[in-house]
Amino acid sequence: MNINQVREQLHLLIDEVDDLYVLNGLYRNLLADKRQREIYEKEQAEKASKKKEKR
């Protein structure tokens, strides 16, 4: 393997690591958004049930 082949392989590996890093970040963001949405929906359901109880 000559230096150009090694360099090309290194660049491909760096690209793969970058892709994994980006995908991992997107996954974490989606999980955080899902958690926030679930908390919001739970709070809204609790508010709605309290309103029904007051009637």
C-alpha atoms as a PDB file:
ATOM      1  CA  MET A   1       0.000   0.000   0.000  1.00  0.00           C
ATOM      2  CA  ASN A   2       1.548   3.281  -1.024  1.00  0.00           C
ATOM      3  CA  ILE A   3       1.204   6.604   0.737  1.00  0.00           C
ATOM      4  CA  ASN A   4      -1.626   7.775  -1.533  1.00  0.00           C
ATOM      5  CA  GLN A   5      -3.675   4.650  -0.786  1.00  0.00           C
ATOM      6  CA  VAL A   6      -3.068   5.080   2.939  1.00  0.00           C
ATOM      7  CA  ARG A   7      -4.076   8.729   2.716  1.00  0.00           C
ATOM      8  CA  GLU A   8      -7.261   7.818   0.820  1.00  0.00           C
ATOM      9  CA  GLN A   9      -8.181   5.144   3.389  1.00  0.00           C
ATOM     10  CA  LEU A  10      -7.542   7.606   6.211  1.00  0.00           C
ATOM     11  CA  HIS A  11      -9.845  10.167   4.613  1.00  0.00           C
ATOM     12  CA  LEU A  12     -12.551   7.540   4.165  1.00  0.00           C
ATOM     13  CA  LEU A  13     -12.276   6.555   7.832  1.00  0.00           C
ATOM     14  CA  ILE A  14     -12.417  10.190   8.913  1.00  0.00           C
ATOM     15  CA  ASP A  15     -15.556  10.669   6.810  1.00  0.00           C
ATOM     16  CA  GLU A  16     -17.159   7.615   8.421  1.00  0.00           C
ATOM     17  CA  VAL A  17     -16.321   8.868  11.918  1.00  0.00           C
ATOM     18  CA  ASP A  18     -17.769  12.279  11.047  1.00  0.00           C
ATOM     19  CA  ASP A  19     -20.958  10.628   9.778  1.00  0.00           C
ATOM     20  CA  LEU A  20     -21.270   8.571  12.955  1.00  0.00           C
ATOM     21  CA  TYR A  21     -20.696  11.637  15.099  1.00  0.00           C
ATOM     22  CA  VAL A  22     -23.403  13.579  13.262  1.00  0.00           C
ATOM     23  CA  LEU A  23     -25.854  10.667  13.392  1.00  0.00           C
ATOM     24  CA  ASN A  24     -25.206  10.174  17.092  1.00  0.00           C
ATOM     25  CA  GLY A  25     -25.885  13.863  17.711  1.00  0.00           C
ATOM     26  CA  LEU A  26     -29.106  13.705  15.716  1.00  0.00           C
ATOM     27  CA  TYR A  27     -30.197  10.637  17.659  1.00  0.00           C
ATOM     28  CA  ARG A  28     -29.537  12.366  20.993  1.00  0.00           C
ATOM     29  CA  ASN A  29     -31.504  15.419  19.836  1.00  0.00           C
ATOM     30  CA  LEU A  30     -34.426  13.263  18.760  1.00  0.00           C
ATOM     31  CA  LEU A  31     -34.451  11.460  22.101  1.00  0.00           C
ATOM     32  CA  ALA A  32     -34.383  14.764  23.974  1.00  0.00           C
ATOM     33  CA  ASP A  33     -37.239  16.107  21.823  1.00  0.00           C
ATOM     34  CA  LYS A  34     -39.252  12.947  22.450  1.00  0.00           C
ATOM     35  CA  ARG A  35     -38.707  13.220  26.206  1.00  0.00           C
ATOM     36  CA  GLN A  36     -39.763  16.877  26.195  1.00  0.00           C
ATOM     37  CA  ARG A  37     -42.862  16.091  24.147  1.00  0.00           C
ATOM     38  CA  GLU A  38     -43.835  13.253  26.505  1.00  0.00           C
ATOM     39  CA  ILE A  39     -43.403  15.525  29.541  1.00  0.00           C
ATOM     40  CA  TYR A  40     -45.470  18.266  27.880  1.00  0.00           C
ATOM     41  CA  GLU A  41     -48.233  15.831  26.915  1.00  0.00           C
ATOM     42  CA  LYS A  42     -48.307  14.397  30.443  1.00  0.00           C
ATOM     43  CA  GLU A  43     -48.585  17.905  31.924  1.00  0.00           C
ATOM     44  CA  GLN A  44     -51.394  18.780  29.524  1.00  0.00           C
ATOM     45  CA  ALA A  45     -53.261  15.584  30.395  1.00  0.00           C
ATOM     46  CA  GLU A  46     -52.899  16.352  34.110  1.00  0.00           C
ATOM     47  CA  LYS A  47     -54.216  19.891  33.589  1.00  0.00           C
ATOM     48  CA  ALA A  48     -57.162  18.558  31.608  1.00  0.00           C
ATOM     49  CA  SER A  49     -58.033  16.005  34.275  1.00  0.00           C
ATOM     50  CA  LYS A  50     -57.849  18.697  37.006  1.00  0.00           C
ATOM     51  CA  LYS A  51     -60.237  20.882  35.027  1.00  0.00           C
ATOM     52  CA  LYS A  52     -62.684  17.993  34.714  1.00  0.00           C
ATOM     53  CA  GLU A  53     -62.507  17.338  38.449  1.00  0.00           C
ATOM     54  CA  LYS A  54     -63.353  20.968  39.248  1.00  0.00           C
ATOM     55  CA  ARG A  55     -66.556  20.848  37.206  1.00  0.00           C
END
